[in-house]
Amino acid sequence: MQLALPSEVPGYVCGVMKVPFFTYASALALAELPYAVGAVVAGDSIVRGQTIWLIALGALAALSMVTAYRLLHRALRRKNA
């Protein structure tokens, strides 16, 4: 849920559901930290003119999305079977 929605919505929902703070903070860190690091590295590579880091970060993001897509479809096929 944390990855699929803007940060405020899961915060409100988890607050209403009385999710323990440590559990919520762990999910938030897991979801937001890779994006934050990627944004900083991408911004720094643009400012310094090091396009190789930007290309590598883009390739890593694309590979991660393809992997997640395949894992999701594999899990859904198993569930429906």
PDB file of N, CA and C in Angstrom:
ATOM      1  N   MET A   1       0.829  -1.183   0.000  1.00  0.00           N
ATOM      2  CA  MET A   1       0.000   0.000   0.000  1.00  0.00           C
ATOM      3  C   MET A   1       0.876   1.251   0.000  1.00  0.00           C
ATOM      4  N   GLN A   2       1.982   1.219   0.706  1.00  0.00           N
ATOM      5  CA  GLN A   2       2.844   2.384   0.827  1.00  0.00           C
ATOM      6  C   GLN A   2       3.426   2.790  -0.528  1.00  0.00           C
ATOM      7  N   LEU A   3       3.733   1.828  -1.386  1.00  0.00           N
ATOM      8  CA  LEU A   3       4.302   2.138  -2.689  1.00  0.00           C
ATOM      9  C   LEU A   3       3.252   2.624  -3.681  1.00  0.00           C
ATOM     10  N   ALA A   4       2.022   2.191  -3.543  1.00  0.00           N
ATOM     11  CA  ALA A   4       1.002   2.461  -4.550  1.00  0.00           C
ATOM     12  C   ALA A   4       0.296   3.799  -4.365  1.00  0.00           C
ATOM     13  N   LEU A   5       0.330   4.360  -3.196  1.00  0.00           N
ATOM     14  CA  LEU A   5      -0.425   5.575  -2.912  1.00  0.00           C
ATOM     15  C   LEU A   5       0.498   6.702  -2.458  1.00  0.00           C
ATOM     16  N   PRO A   6       0.054   7.952  -2.578  1.00  0.00           N
ATOM     17  CA  PRO A   6       0.842   9.062  -2.014  1.00  0.00           C
ATOM     18  C   PRO A   6       1.038   8.855  -0.515  1.00  0.00           C
ATOM     19  N   SER A   7       2.112   9.376   0.018  1.00  0.00           N
ATOM     20  CA  SER A   7       2.500   9.111   1.409  1.00  0.00           C
ATOM     21  C   SER A   7       1.432   9.474   2.432  1.00  0.00           C
ATOM     22  N   GLU A   8       0.641  10.485   2.166  1.00  0.00           N
ATOM     23  CA  GLU A   8      -0.335  10.931   3.158  1.00  0.00           C
ATOM     24  C   GLU A   8      -1.452   9.907   3.365  1.00  0.00           C
ATOM     25  N   VAL A   9      -1.912   9.283   2.288  1.00  0.00           N
ATOM     26  CA  VAL A   9      -3.052   8.370   2.382  1.00  0.00           C
ATOM     27  C   VAL A   9      -2.739   7.165   3.284  1.00  0.00           C
ATOM     28  N   PRO A  10      -1.630   6.434   3.049  1.00  0.00           N
ATOM     29  CA  PRO A  10      -1.334   5.314   3.962  1.00  0.00           C
ATOM     30  C   PRO A  10      -1.111   5.782   5.404  1.00  0.00           C
ATOM     31  N   GLY A  11      -0.581   6.986   5.571  1.00  0.00           N
ATOM     32  CA  GLY A  11      -0.396   7.516   6.921  1.00  0.00           C
ATOM     33  C   GLY A  11      -1.713   7.672   7.647  1.00  0.00           C
ATOM     34  N   TYR A  12      -2.697   8.251   6.965  1.00  0.00           N
ATOM     35  CA  TYR A  12      -4.027   8.416   7.574  1.00  0.00           C
ATOM     36  C   TYR A  12      -4.689   7.066   7.827  1.00  0.00           C
ATOM     37  N   VAL A  13      -4.625   6.179   6.829  1.00  0.00           N
ATOM     38  CA  VAL A  13      -5.262   4.863   6.967  1.00  0.00           C
ATOM     39  C   VAL A  13      -4.624   4.075   8.105  1.00  0.00           C
ATOM     40  N   CYS A  14      -3.297   4.066   8.154  1.00  0.00           N
ATOM     41  CA  CYS A  14      -2.616   3.327   9.226  1.00  0.00           C
ATOM     42  C   CYS A  14      -2.884   3.954  10.590  1.00  0.00           C
ATOM     43  N   GLY A  15      -3.043   5.272  10.628  1.00  0.00           N
ATOM     44  CA  GLY A  15      -3.391   5.934  11.886  1.00  0.00           C
ATOM     45  C   GLY A  15      -4.785   5.540  12.363  1.00  0.00           C
ATOM     46  N   VAL A  16      -5.727   5.503  11.443  1.00  0.00           N
ATOM     47  CA  VAL A  16      -7.103   5.113  11.797  1.00  0.00           C
ATOM     48  C   VAL A  16      -7.143   3.657  12.238  1.00  0.00           C
ATOM     49  N   MET A  17      -6.339   2.808  11.589  1.00  0.00           N
ATOM     50  CA  MET A  17      -6.318   1.384  11.923  1.00  0.00           C
ATOM     51  C   MET A  17      -5.441   1.087  13.141  1.00  0.00           C
ATOM     52  N   LYS A  18      -4.811   2.120  13.688  1.00  0.00           N
ATOM     53  CA  LYS A  18      -3.952   1.998  14.872  1.00  0.00           C
ATOM     54  C   LYS A  18      -2.792   1.023  14.651  1.00  0.00           C
ATOM     55  N   VAL A  19      -2.146   1.151  13.477  1.00  0.00           N
ATOM     56  CA  VAL A  19      -0.949   0.355  13.178  1.00  0.00           C
ATOM     57  C   VAL A  19       0.171   0.861  14.086  1.00  0.00           C
ATOM     58  N   PRO A  20       0.940  -0.034  14.697  1.00  0.00           N
ATOM     59  CA  PRO A  20       2.046   0.402  15.555  1.00  0.00           C
ATOM     60  C   PRO A  20       3.024   1.294  14.779  1.00  0.00           C
ATOM     61  N   PHE A  21       3.545   2.313  15.470  1.00  0.00           N
ATOM     62  CA  PHE A  21       4.413   3.286  14.817  1.00  0.00           C
ATOM     63  C   PHE A  21       5.630   2.626  14.184  1.00  0.00           C
ATOM     64  N   PHE A  22       6.273   1.689  14.872  1.00  0.00           N
ATOM     65  CA  PHE A  22       7.475   1.046  14.335  1.00  0.00           C
ATOM     66  C   PHE A  22       7.167   0.308  13.036  1.00  0.00           C
ATOM     67  N   THR A  23       6.030  -0.358  12.980  1.00  0.00           N
ATOM     68  CA  THR A  23       5.631  -1.068  11.766  1.00  0.00           C
ATOM     69  C   THR A  23       5.421  -0.083  10.627  1.00  0.00           C
ATOM     70  N   TYR A  24       4.712   1.017  10.898  1.00  0.00           N
ATOM     71  CA  TYR A  24       4.468   2.024   9.869  1.00  0.00           C
ATOM     72  C   TYR A  24       5.774   2.679   9.423  1.00  0.00           C
ATOM     73  N   ALA A  25       6.629   3.039  10.369  1.00  0.00           N
ATOM     74  CA  ALA A  25       7.891   3.688  10.024  1.00  0.00           C
ATOM     75  C   ALA A  25       8.794   2.760   9.209  1.00  0.00           C
ATOM     76  N   SER A  26       8.781   1.481   9.523  1.00  0.00           N
ATOM     77  CA  SER A  26       9.577   0.514   8.753  1.00  0.00           C
ATOM     78  C   SER A  26       9.068   0.406   7.316  1.00  0.00           C
ATOM     79  N   ALA A  27       7.763   0.328   7.140  1.00  0.00           N
ATOM     80  CA  ALA A  27       7.185   0.258   5.794  1.00  0.00           C
ATOM     81  C   ALA A  27       7.458   1.541   5.021  1.00  0.00           C
ATOM     82  N   LEU A  28       7.362   2.669   5.692  1.00  0.00           N
ATOM     83  CA  LEU A  28       7.634   3.949   5.048  1.00  0.00           C
ATOM     84  C   LEU A  28       9.090   4.041   4.604  1.00  0.00           C
ATOM     85  N   ALA A  29      10.003   3.634   5.466  1.00  0.00           N
ATOM     86  CA  ALA A  29      11.423   3.670   5.110  1.00  0.00           C
ATOM     87  C   ALA A  29      11.723   2.727   3.953  1.00  0.00           C
ATOM     88  N   LEU A  30      11.143   1.555   3.984  1.00  0.00           N
ATOM     89  CA  LEU A  30      11.359   0.581   2.915  1.00  0.00           C
ATOM     90  C   LEU A  30      10.846   1.107   1.579  1.00  0.00           C
ATOM     91  N   ALA A  31       9.738   1.808   1.599  1.00  0.00           N
ATOM     92  CA  ALA A  31       9.144   2.314   0.369  1.00  0.00           C
ATOM     93  C   ALA A  31       9.809   3.598  -0.123  1.00  0.00           C
ATOM     94  N   GLU A  32      10.173   4.490   0.762  1.00  0.00           N
ATOM     95  CA  GLU A  32      10.651   5.815   0.370  1.00  0.00           C
ATOM     96  C   GLU A  32      12.162   5.922   0.217  1.00  0.00           C
ATOM     97  N   LEU A  33      12.925   5.130   0.929  1.00  0.00           N
ATOM     98  CA  LEU A  33      14.379   5.271   0.909  1.00  0.00           C
ATOM     99  C   LEU A  33      14.995   5.040  -0.469  1.00  0.00           C
ATOM    100  N   PRO A  34      14.618   3.985  -1.188  1.00  0.00           N
ATOM    101  CA  PRO A  34      15.213   3.816  -2.523  1.00  0.00           C
ATOM    102  C   PRO A  34      14.895   4.981  -3.466  1.00  0.00           C
ATOM    103  N   TYR A  35      13.684   5.506  -3.389  1.00  0.00           N
ATOM    104  CA  TYR A  35      13.318   6.645  -4.228  1.00  0.00           C
ATOM    105  C   TYR A  35      14.146   7.876  -3.857  1.00  0.00           C
ATOM    106  N   ALA A  36      14.314   8.116  -2.566  1.00  0.00           N
ATOM    107  CA  ALA A  36      15.077   9.280  -2.115  1.00  0.00           C
ATOM    108  C   ALA A  36      16.539   9.183  -2.553  1.00  0.00           C
ATOM    109  N   VAL A  37      17.142   8.023  -2.373  1.00  0.00           N
ATOM    110  CA  VAL A  37      18.533   7.834  -2.789  1.00  0.00           C
ATOM    111  C   VAL A  37      18.661   7.983  -4.304  1.00  0.00           C
ATOM    112  N   GLY A  38      17.733   7.402  -5.045  1.00  0.00           N
ATOM    113  CA  GLY A  38      17.766   7.516  -6.497  1.00  0.00           C
ATOM    114  C   GLY A  38      17.623   8.953  -6.958  1.00  0.00           C
ATOM    115  N   ALA A  39      16.740   9.710  -6.326  1.00  0.00           N
ATOM    116  CA  ALA A  39      16.547  11.114  -6.702  1.00  0.00           C
ATOM    117  C   ALA A  39      17.803  11.937  -6.425  1.00  0.00           C
ATOM    118  N   VAL A  40      18.457  11.685  -5.306  1.00  0.00           N
ATOM    119  CA  VAL A  40      19.684  12.411  -4.978  1.00  0.00           C
ATOM    120  C   VAL A  40      20.806  12.060  -5.951  1.00  0.00           C
ATOM    121  N   VAL A  41      20.973  10.774  -6.243  1.00  0.00           N
ATOM    122  CA  VAL A  41      22.027  10.346  -7.174  1.00  0.00           C
ATOM    123  C   VAL A  41      21.757  10.894  -8.574  1.00  0.00           C
ATOM    124  N   ALA A  42      20.494  10.847  -9.013  1.00  0.00           N
ATOM    125  CA  ALA A  42      20.150  11.366 -10.342  1.00  0.00           C
ATOM    126  C   ALA A  42      20.394  12.868 -10.417  1.00  0.00           C
ATOM    127  N   GLY A  43      19.961  13.598  -9.412  1.00  0.00           N
ATOM    128  CA  GLY A  43      20.186  15.044  -9.388  1.00  0.00           C
ATOM    129  C   GLY A  43      21.660  15.399  -9.369  1.00  0.00           C
ATOM    130  N   ASP A  44      22.417  14.687  -8.563  1.00  0.00           N
ATOM    131  CA  ASP A  44      23.856  14.936  -8.485  1.00  0.00           C
ATOM    132  C   ASP A  44      24.548  14.629  -9.811  1.00  0.00           C
ATOM    133  N   SER A  45      24.133  13.562 -10.469  1.00  0.00           N
ATOM    134  CA  SER A  45      24.759  13.212 -11.747  1.00  0.00           C
ATOM    135  C   SER A  45      24.433  14.242 -12.827  1.00  0.00           C
ATOM    136  N   ILE A  46      23.251  14.822 -12.781  1.00  0.00           N
ATOM    137  CA  ILE A  46      22.902  15.868 -13.743  1.00  0.00           C
ATOM    138  C   ILE A  46      23.722  17.121 -13.489  1.00  0.00           C
ATOM    139  N   VAL A  47      23.827  17.522 -12.222  1.00  0.00           N
ATOM    140  CA  VAL A  47      24.579  18.727 -11.882  1.00  0.00           C
ATOM    141  C   VAL A  47      26.049  18.581 -12.249  1.00  0.00           C
ATOM    142  N   ARG A  48      26.627  17.415 -12.000  1.00  0.00           N
ATOM    143  CA  ARG A  48      28.046  17.192 -12.290  1.00  0.00           C
ATOM    144  C   ARG A  48      28.308  16.797 -13.748  1.00  0.00           C
ATOM    145  N   GLY A  49      27.238  16.557 -14.503  1.00  0.00           N
ATOM    146  CA  GLY A  49      27.399  16.186 -15.896  1.00  0.00           C
ATOM    147  C   GLY A  49      27.876  14.760 -16.098  1.00  0.00           C
ATOM    148  N   GLN A  50      27.632  13.897 -15.137  1.00  0.00           N
ATOM    149  CA  GLN A  50      28.034  12.489 -15.216  1.00  0.00           C
ATOM    150  C   GLN A  50      26.825  11.662 -15.646  1.00  0.00           C
ATOM    151  N   THR A  51      26.621  11.600 -16.943  1.00  0.00           N
ATOM    152  CA  THR A  51      25.428  10.937 -17.451  1.00  0.00           C
ATOM    153  C   THR A  51      25.455   9.427 -17.248  1.00  0.00           C
ATOM    154  N   ILE A  52      26.624   8.848 -17.028  1.00  0.00           N
ATOM    155  CA  ILE A  52      26.700   7.395 -16.843  1.00  0.00           C
ATOM    156  C   ILE A  52      25.906   6.963 -15.610  1.00  0.00           C
ATOM    157  N   TRP A  53      25.958   7.760 -14.535  1.00  0.00           N
ATOM    158  CA  TRP A  53      25.195   7.425 -13.331  1.00  0.00           C
ATOM    159  C   TRP A  53      23.702   7.544 -13.592  1.00  0.00           C
ATOM    160  N   LEU A  54      23.324   8.543 -14.363  1.00  0.00           N
ATOM    161  CA  LEU A  54      21.916   8.719 -14.690  1.00  0.00           C
ATOM    162  C   LEU A  54      21.405   7.558 -15.535  1.00  0.00           C
ATOM    163  N   ILE A  55      22.182   7.138 -16.505  1.00  0.00           N
ATOM    164  CA  ILE A  55      21.805   6.007 -17.354  1.00  0.00           C
ATOM    165  C   ILE A  55      21.755   4.715 -16.531  1.00  0.00           C
ATOM    166  N   ALA A  56      22.746   4.513 -15.669  1.00  0.00           N
ATOM    167  CA  ALA A  56      22.780   3.313 -14.833  1.00  0.00           C
ATOM    168  C   ALA A  56      21.587   3.277 -13.877  1.00  0.00           C
ATOM    169  N   LEU A  57      21.256   4.416 -13.311  1.00  0.00           N
ATOM    170  CA  LEU A  57      20.113   4.483 -12.399  1.00  0.00           C
ATOM    171  C   LEU A  57      18.815   4.204 -13.140  1.00  0.00           C
ATOM    172  N   GLY A  58      18.677   4.736 -14.335  1.00  0.00           N
ATOM    173  CA  GLY A  58      17.493   4.469 -15.148  1.00  0.00           C
ATOM    174  C   GLY A  58      17.376   2.999 -15.512  1.00  0.00           C
ATOM    175  N   ALA A  59      18.508   2.391 -15.883  1.00  0.00           N
ATOM    176  CA  ALA A  59      18.503   0.959 -16.221  1.00  0.00           C
ATOM    177  C   ALA A  59      18.147   0.114 -15.002  1.00  0.00           C
ATOM    178  N   LEU A  60      18.679   0.473 -13.845  1.00  0.00           N
ATOM    179  CA  LEU A  60      18.359  -0.254 -12.616  1.00  0.00           C
ATOM    180  C   LEU A  60      16.879  -0.121 -12.268  1.00  0.00           C
ATOM    181  N   ALA A  61      16.327   1.065 -12.440  1.00  0.00           N
ATOM    182  CA  ALA A  61      14.905   1.270 -12.168  1.00  0.00           C
ATOM    183  C   ALA A  61      14.049   0.450 -13.133  1.00  0.00           C
ATOM    184  N   ALA A  62      14.417   0.446 -14.399  1.00  0.00           N
ATOM    185  CA  ALA A  62      13.661  -0.339 -15.389  1.00  0.00           C
ATOM    186  C   ALA A  62      13.741  -1.829 -15.082  1.00  0.00           C
ATOM    187  N   LEU A  63      14.920  -2.308 -14.728  1.00  0.00           N
ATOM    188  CA  LEU A  63      15.093  -3.709 -14.381  1.00  0.00           C
ATOM    189  C   LEU A  63      14.269  -4.073 -13.141  1.00  0.00           C
ATOM    190  N   SER A  64      14.244  -3.185 -12.178  1.00  0.00           N
ATOM    191  CA  SER A  64      13.448  -3.427 -10.969  1.00  0.00           C
ATOM    192  C   SER A  64      11.963  -3.505 -11.287  1.00  0.00           C
ATOM    193  N   MET A  65      11.482  -2.628 -12.170  1.00  0.00           N
ATOM    194  CA  MET A  65      10.067  -2.651 -12.534  1.00  0.00           C
ATOM    195  C   MET A  65       9.695  -3.917 -13.297  1.00  0.00           C
ATOM    196  N   VAL A  66      10.552  -4.343 -14.206  1.00  0.00           N
ATOM    197  CA  VAL A  66      10.282  -5.569 -14.961  1.00  0.00           C
ATOM    198  C   VAL A  66      10.277  -6.773 -14.027  1.00  0.00           C
ATOM    199  N   THR A  67      11.226  -6.823 -13.108  1.00  0.00           N
ATOM    200  CA  THR A  67      11.294  -7.923 -12.144  1.00  0.00           C
ATOM    201  C   THR A  67      10.044  -7.947 -11.256  1.00  0.00           C
ATOM    202  N   ALA A  68       9.636  -6.792 -10.762  1.00  0.00           N
ATOM    203  CA  ALA A  68       8.444  -6.719  -9.920  1.00  0.00           C
ATOM    204  C   ALA A  68       7.199  -7.138 -10.702  1.00  0.00           C
ATOM    205  N   TYR A  69       7.102  -6.728 -11.948  1.00  0.00           N
ATOM    206  CA  TYR A  69       5.974  -7.094 -12.804  1.00  0.00           C
ATOM    207  C   TYR A  69       5.901  -8.607 -12.982  1.00  0.00           C
ATOM    208  N   ARG A  70       7.039  -9.218 -13.266  1.00  0.00           N
ATOM    209  CA  ARG A  70       7.064 -10.676 -13.461  1.00  0.00           C
ATOM    210  C   ARG A  70       6.728 -11.422 -12.180  1.00  0.00           C
ATOM    211  N   LEU A  71       7.267 -10.960 -11.056  1.00  0.00           N
ATOM    212  CA  LEU A  71       6.966 -11.610  -9.778  1.00  0.00           C
ATOM    213  C   LEU A  71       5.485 -11.492  -9.429  1.00  0.00           C
ATOM    214  N   LEU A  72       4.904 -10.330  -9.703  1.00  0.00           N
ATOM    215  CA  LEU A  72       3.484 -10.140  -9.430  1.00  0.00           C
ATOM    216  C   LEU A  72       2.635 -11.081 -10.274  1.00  0.00           C
ATOM    217  N   HIS A  73       2.934 -11.165 -11.561  1.00  0.00           N
ATOM    218  CA  HIS A  73       2.139 -12.036 -12.421  1.00  0.00           C
ATOM    219  C   HIS A  73       2.327 -13.512 -12.084  1.00  0.00           C
ATOM    220  N   ARG A  74       3.520 -13.889 -11.676  1.00  0.00           N
ATOM    221  CA  ARG A  74       3.754 -15.272 -11.256  1.00  0.00           C
ATOM    222  C   ARG A  74       2.930 -15.587 -10.005  1.00  0.00           C
ATOM    223  N   ALA A  75       2.918 -14.654  -9.061  1.00  0.00           N
ATOM    224  CA  ALA A  75       2.141 -14.860  -7.832  1.00  0.00           C
ATOM    225  C   ALA A  75       0.645 -14.911  -8.118  1.00  0.00           C
ATOM    226  N   LEU A  76       0.182 -14.078  -9.028  1.00  0.00           N
ATOM    227  CA  LEU A  76      -1.244 -14.076  -9.367  1.00  0.00           C
ATOM    228  C   LEU A  76      -1.649 -15.349 -10.090  1.00  0.00           C
ATOM    229  N   ARG A  77      -0.762 -15.858 -10.959  1.00  0.00           N
ATOM    230  CA  ARG A  77      -1.062 -17.121 -11.649  1.00  0.00           C
ATOM    231  C   ARG A  77      -1.146 -18.270 -10.665  1.00  0.00           C
ATOM    232  N   ARG A  78      -0.246 -18.308  -9.685  1.00  0.00           N
ATOM    233  CA  ARG A  78      -0.290 -19.362  -8.673  1.00  0.00           C
ATOM    234  C   ARG A  78      -1.560 -19.279  -7.838  1.00  0.00           C
ATOM    235  N   LYS A  79      -1.969 -18.065  -7.523  1.00  0.00           N
ATOM    236  CA  LYS A  79      -3.166 -17.873  -6.703  1.00  0.00           C
ATOM    237  C   LYS A  79      -4.414 -18.311  -7.460  1.00  0.00           C
ATOM    238  N   ASN A  80      -4.472 -18.029  -8.749  1.00  0.00           N
ATOM    239  CA  ASN A  80      -5.636 -18.402  -9.558  1.00  0.00           C
ATOM    240  C   ASN A  80      -5.654 -19.873  -9.948  1.00  0.00           C
ATOM    241  N   ALA A  81      -4.525 -20.519  -9.886  1.00  0.00           N
ATOM    242  CA  ALA A  81      -4.445 -21.937 -10.296  1.00  0.00           C
ATOM    243  C   ALA A  81      -4.989 -22.873  -9.228  1.00  0.00           C
TER     244      ALA A  81
END
